[in-house]
Amino acid sequence: MNEATNVLRGILHPDGTLELTERPTLPAGQVEVTIRPVVEPVKGENWLEYLQRTRAKLEASGATFRTKEEIDSDIEEMRDWDSHLDEIRDQIEEARRGERKG
């Protein structure tokens, strides 16, 4: 199966038609199309301003983000799990040492 892909730019018109800026290099036949908006950087905008603007847009669209407390809680859970795994590893090593002596 040919996995060739083309990434092209185009314009989505209000009536739903799509105008491509260039000709695809795929052979004629059925294709799968994914459309996403192109985010153009604002002139004079640095990366922090871009991140802040993008986050504000996402929040306005209803997106939610984890709080610092939620992230810290997840990190603590991972550390607890690591400690638990360390304990299991120590028990296995101790059991192996006991088998070698006995």
N, C-alpha and C. Protein backbone atom coordinates (compact mmCIF):
# COMPACT_ATOMS: atom_id res chain seq x y z
N MET A 1 0.84 -1.19 0.00
CA MET A 1 0.00 0.00 0.00
C MET A 1 0.88 1.24 0.00
N ASN A 2 0.60 2.19 -0.86
CA ASN A 2 1.38 3.40 -0.97
C ASN A 2 0.98 4.38 0.13
N GLU A 3 1.93 4.80 0.94
CA GLU A 3 1.66 5.73 2.04
C GLU A 3 2.10 7.14 1.71
N ALA A 4 2.12 7.51 0.42
CA ALA A 4 2.53 8.85 0.02
C ALA A 4 1.56 9.88 0.56
N THR A 5 2.09 11.01 0.98
CA THR A 5 1.24 12.10 1.45
C THR A 5 1.70 13.40 0.84
N ASN A 6 0.80 14.34 0.73
CA ASN A 6 1.09 15.70 0.30
C ASN A 6 0.56 16.63 1.36
N VAL A 7 1.35 17.59 1.76
CA VAL A 7 0.88 18.64 2.65
C VAL A 7 0.82 19.90 1.81
N LEU A 8 -0.38 20.40 1.63
CA LEU A 8 -0.60 21.55 0.77
C LEU A 8 -1.35 22.63 1.55
N ARG A 9 -1.21 23.85 1.11
CA ARG A 9 -1.97 24.95 1.69
C ARG A 9 -3.12 25.27 0.74
N GLY A 10 -4.13 25.88 1.28
CA GLY A 10 -5.26 26.25 0.46
C GLY A 10 -6.15 27.23 1.19
N ILE A 11 -7.28 27.50 0.59
CA ILE A 11 -8.26 28.43 1.17
C ILE A 11 -9.59 27.69 1.25
N LEU A 12 -10.19 27.71 2.44
CA LEU A 12 -11.52 27.13 2.62
C LEU A 12 -12.53 28.27 2.46
N HIS A 13 -13.37 28.16 1.44
CA HIS A 13 -14.35 29.20 1.16
C HIS A 13 -15.61 28.99 2.01
N PRO A 14 -16.38 30.06 2.22
CA PRO A 14 -17.59 29.96 3.04
C PRO A 14 -18.58 28.89 2.57
N ASP A 15 -18.59 28.59 1.28
CA ASP A 15 -19.53 27.58 0.77
C ASP A 15 -19.00 26.15 0.98
N GLY A 16 -17.82 26.02 1.60
CA GLY A 16 -17.27 24.70 1.89
C GLY A 16 -16.31 24.18 0.85
N THR A 17 -16.16 24.90 -0.26
CA THR A 17 -15.20 24.44 -1.26
C THR A 17 -13.78 24.76 -0.81
N LEU A 18 -12.86 23.97 -1.30
CA LEU A 18 -11.46 24.11 -0.92
C LEU A 18 -10.65 24.44 -2.16
N GLU A 19 -9.90 25.52 -2.11
CA GLU A 19 -9.04 25.93 -3.22
C GLU A 19 -7.60 25.68 -2.81
N LEU A 20 -6.90 24.80 -3.54
CA LEU A 20 -5.52 24.48 -3.22
C LEU A 20 -4.58 25.47 -3.89
N THR A 21 -3.47 25.77 -3.23
CA THR A 21 -2.51 26.71 -3.79
C THR A 21 -1.57 26.06 -4.79
N GLU A 22 -1.53 24.73 -4.81
CA GLU A 22 -0.70 24.01 -5.77
C GLU A 22 -1.34 22.67 -6.10
N ARG A 23 -0.86 22.04 -7.12
CA ARG A 23 -1.41 20.76 -7.58
C ARG A 23 -0.80 19.62 -6.76
N PRO A 24 -1.62 18.71 -6.23
CA PRO A 24 -1.08 17.56 -5.49
C PRO A 24 -0.29 16.65 -6.42
N THR A 25 0.68 15.94 -5.85
CA THR A 25 1.50 15.02 -6.65
C THR A 25 1.01 13.58 -6.55
N LEU A 26 -0.14 13.37 -5.94
CA LEU A 26 -0.71 12.03 -5.83
C LEU A 26 -1.47 11.66 -7.10
N PRO A 27 -1.60 10.37 -7.38
CA PRO A 27 -2.40 9.97 -8.54
C PRO A 27 -3.89 10.20 -8.26
N ALA A 28 -4.66 10.31 -9.31
CA ALA A 28 -6.10 10.50 -9.17
C ALA A 28 -6.71 9.32 -8.44
N GLY A 29 -7.72 9.56 -7.66
CA GLY A 29 -8.41 8.52 -6.90
C GLY A 29 -8.88 9.08 -5.57
N GLN A 30 -9.42 8.21 -4.73
CA GLN A 30 -9.93 8.63 -3.44
C GLN A 30 -8.76 9.04 -2.53
N VAL A 31 -9.00 10.07 -1.74
CA VAL A 31 -8.00 10.55 -0.77
C VAL A 31 -8.70 10.86 0.54
N GLU A 32 -7.93 11.00 1.56
CA GLU A 32 -8.44 11.44 2.87
C GLU A 32 -7.91 12.84 3.11
N VAL A 33 -8.79 13.75 3.52
CA VAL A 33 -8.41 15.15 3.68
C VAL A 33 -8.57 15.55 5.14
N THR A 34 -7.53 16.16 5.70
CA THR A 34 -7.58 16.74 7.04
C THR A 34 -7.39 18.24 6.88
N ILE A 35 -8.25 19.01 7.46
CA ILE A 35 -8.16 20.47 7.35
C ILE A 35 -7.94 21.06 8.73
N ARG A 36 -6.98 21.94 8.84
CA ARG A 36 -6.76 22.67 10.08
C ARG A 36 -6.37 24.10 9.74
N PRO A 37 -6.74 25.05 10.57
CA PRO A 37 -6.40 26.44 10.26
C PRO A 37 -4.90 26.67 10.36
N VAL A 38 -4.41 27.55 9.53
CA VAL A 38 -3.01 27.93 9.57
C VAL A 38 -2.89 29.12 10.51
N VAL A 39 -2.07 28.99 11.53
CA VAL A 39 -1.87 30.08 12.48
C VAL A 39 -0.67 30.88 12.01
N GLU A 40 -0.93 32.06 11.55
CA GLU A 40 0.13 32.94 11.09
C GLU A 40 0.67 33.74 12.27
N PRO A 41 1.99 33.79 12.43
CA PRO A 41 2.54 34.59 13.52
C PRO A 41 2.26 36.08 13.30
N VAL A 42 2.02 36.76 14.39
CA VAL A 42 1.79 38.20 14.32
C VAL A 42 3.16 38.87 14.24
N LYS A 43 3.32 39.79 13.29
CA LYS A 43 4.61 40.46 13.12
C LYS A 43 5.00 41.19 14.40
N GLY A 44 6.25 41.03 14.81
CA GLY A 44 6.76 41.70 16.00
C GLY A 44 6.42 40.97 17.29
N GLU A 45 5.76 39.81 17.18
CA GLU A 45 5.36 39.05 18.36
C GLU A 45 6.48 38.08 18.74
N ASN A 46 6.88 38.10 20.02
CA ASN A 46 7.89 37.13 20.47
C ASN A 46 7.19 35.85 20.91
N TRP A 47 7.98 34.84 21.25
CA TRP A 47 7.40 33.52 21.55
C TRP A 47 6.50 33.57 22.78
N LEU A 48 6.82 34.37 23.79
CA LEU A 48 5.97 34.45 24.98
C LEU A 48 4.63 35.09 24.64
N GLU A 49 4.65 36.15 23.86
CA GLU A 49 3.41 36.79 23.44
C GLU A 49 2.55 35.83 22.61
N TYR A 50 3.23 35.05 21.75
CA TYR A 50 2.51 34.05 20.95
C TYR A 50 1.83 33.03 21.87
N LEU A 51 2.58 32.51 22.86
CA LEU A 51 2.00 31.53 23.78
C LEU A 51 0.82 32.12 24.55
N GLN A 52 0.98 33.34 25.03
CA GLN A 52 -0.10 33.99 25.78
C GLN A 52 -1.34 34.19 24.91
N ARG A 53 -1.13 34.63 23.66
CA ARG A 53 -2.25 34.85 22.75
C ARG A 53 -2.93 33.53 22.41
N THR A 54 -2.14 32.50 22.16
CA THR A 54 -2.69 31.20 21.83
C THR A 54 -3.47 30.61 22.99
N ARG A 55 -2.93 30.74 24.20
CA ARG A 55 -3.63 30.22 25.38
C ARG A 55 -4.96 30.96 25.58
N ALA A 56 -4.93 32.27 25.40
CA ALA A 56 -6.16 33.06 25.56
C ALA A 56 -7.23 32.59 24.55
N LYS A 57 -6.81 32.30 23.32
CA LYS A 57 -7.75 31.80 22.31
C LYS A 57 -8.32 30.45 22.73
N LEU A 58 -7.45 29.58 23.23
CA LEU A 58 -7.91 28.26 23.65
C LEU A 58 -8.88 28.36 24.82
N GLU A 59 -8.55 29.21 25.80
CA GLU A 59 -9.44 29.39 26.95
C GLU A 59 -10.79 29.95 26.50
N ALA A 60 -10.76 30.88 25.56
CA ALA A 60 -12.00 31.48 25.06
C ALA A 60 -12.86 30.44 24.34
N SER A 61 -12.21 29.42 23.77
CA SER A 61 -12.97 28.37 23.07
C SER A 61 -13.44 27.28 24.02
N GLY A 62 -13.11 27.41 25.33
CA GLY A 62 -13.59 26.45 26.31
C GLY A 62 -12.57 25.43 26.76
N ALA A 63 -11.34 25.51 26.25
CA ALA A 63 -10.29 24.57 26.66
C ALA A 63 -9.93 24.83 28.12
N THR A 64 -9.60 23.76 28.83
CA THR A 64 -9.18 23.90 30.22
C THR A 64 -7.76 23.38 30.36
N PHE A 65 -7.07 23.86 31.35
CA PHE A 65 -5.68 23.49 31.60
C PHE A 65 -5.54 23.03 33.03
N ARG A 66 -4.57 22.15 33.25
CA ARG A 66 -4.33 21.68 34.62
C ARG A 66 -3.73 22.80 35.45
N THR A 67 -4.10 22.82 36.73
CA THR A 67 -3.56 23.82 37.64
C THR A 67 -2.20 23.35 38.14
N LYS A 68 -1.46 24.25 38.76
CA LYS A 68 -0.17 23.90 39.35
C LYS A 68 -0.36 22.81 40.39
N GLU A 69 -1.43 22.91 41.17
CA GLU A 69 -1.70 21.91 42.20
C GLU A 69 -1.94 20.54 41.59
N GLU A 70 -2.68 20.48 40.49
CA GLU A 70 -2.94 19.21 39.83
C GLU A 70 -1.65 18.60 39.29
N ILE A 71 -0.81 19.43 38.70
CA ILE A 71 0.46 18.95 38.17
C ILE A 71 1.35 18.45 39.30
N ASP A 72 1.44 19.23 40.39
CA ASP A 72 2.25 18.82 41.54
C ASP A 72 1.75 17.51 42.14
N SER A 73 0.43 17.35 42.18
CA SER A 73 -0.15 16.11 42.70
C SER A 73 0.23 14.92 41.82
N ASP A 74 0.18 15.10 40.51
CA ASP A 74 0.56 14.04 39.59
C ASP A 74 2.04 13.67 39.75
N ILE A 75 2.87 14.67 39.91
CA ILE A 75 4.31 14.42 40.11
C ILE A 75 4.54 13.64 41.39
N GLU A 76 3.82 14.02 42.45
CA GLU A 76 3.96 13.31 43.73
C GLU A 76 3.51 11.86 43.60
N GLU A 77 2.42 11.63 42.87
CA GLU A 77 1.96 10.25 42.63
C GLU A 77 3.02 9.43 41.90
N MET A 78 3.67 10.05 40.91
CA MET A 78 4.73 9.35 40.17
C MET A 78 5.91 9.03 41.08
N ARG A 79 6.24 9.96 41.95
CA ARG A 79 7.35 9.71 42.89
C ARG A 79 6.99 8.59 43.86
N ASP A 80 5.74 8.59 44.33
CA ASP A 80 5.30 7.51 45.22
C ASP A 80 5.37 6.17 44.51
N TRP A 81 4.96 6.15 43.24
CA TRP A 81 5.00 4.91 42.46
C TRP A 81 6.45 4.47 42.28
N ASP A 82 7.36 5.41 42.02
CA ASP A 82 8.78 5.08 41.88
C ASP A 82 9.30 4.46 43.18
N SER A 83 8.91 5.03 44.32
CA SER A 83 9.34 4.49 45.61
C SER A 83 8.81 3.07 45.80
N HIS A 84 7.58 2.87 45.40
CA HIS A 84 6.96 1.54 45.50
C HIS A 84 7.73 0.54 44.64
N LEU A 85 8.07 0.94 43.42
CA LEU A 85 8.84 0.06 42.54
C LEU A 85 10.23 -0.23 43.12
N ASP A 86 10.85 0.78 43.74
CA ASP A 86 12.15 0.57 44.38
C ASP A 86 12.04 -0.46 45.50
N GLU A 87 10.96 -0.40 46.28
CA GLU A 87 10.75 -1.37 47.35
C GLU A 87 10.60 -2.78 46.78
N ILE A 88 9.84 -2.92 45.73
CA ILE A 88 9.64 -4.23 45.10
C ILE A 88 10.98 -4.76 44.58
N ARG A 89 11.75 -3.90 43.92
CA ARG A 89 13.05 -4.32 43.40
C ARG A 89 13.96 -4.79 44.54
N ASP A 90 13.96 -4.04 45.65
CA ASP A 90 14.77 -4.42 46.82
C ASP A 90 14.34 -5.78 47.37
N GLN A 91 13.03 -6.03 47.41
CA GLN A 91 12.53 -7.31 47.91
C GLN A 91 12.96 -8.45 47.00
N ILE A 92 12.91 -8.22 45.70
CA ILE A 92 13.33 -9.26 44.75
C ILE A 92 14.82 -9.54 44.90
N GLU A 93 15.61 -8.50 45.02
CA GLU A 93 17.06 -8.69 45.17
C GLU A 93 17.37 -9.43 46.48
N GLU A 94 16.66 -9.08 47.54
CA GLU A 94 16.86 -9.75 48.83
C GLU A 94 16.50 -11.23 48.73
N ALA A 95 15.39 -11.52 48.04
CA ALA A 95 14.98 -12.91 47.87
C ALA A 95 16.01 -13.69 47.05
N ARG A 96 16.58 -13.07 46.04
CA ARG A 96 17.60 -13.73 45.22
C ARG A 96 18.86 -14.02 46.05
N ARG A 97 19.24 -13.06 46.89
CA ARG A 97 20.42 -13.29 47.75
C ARG A 97 20.17 -14.44 48.72
N GLY A 98 18.93 -14.53 49.23
CA GLY A 98 18.57 -15.61 50.14
C GLY A 98 18.61 -16.95 49.45
N GLU A 99 18.21 -17.01 48.19
CA GLU A 99 18.23 -18.27 47.44
C GLU A 99 19.67 -18.72 47.19
N ARG A 100 20.56 -17.78 46.94
CA ARG A 100 21.96 -18.13 46.68
C ARG A 100 22.64 -18.69 47.93
N LYS A 101 22.28 -18.15 49.10
CA LYS A 101 22.89 -18.60 50.36
C LYS A 101 22.33 -19.95 50.77
N GLY A 102 21.06 -20.15 50.50
CA GLY A 102 20.35 -21.33 51.01
C GLY A 102 20.43 -22.46 50.09
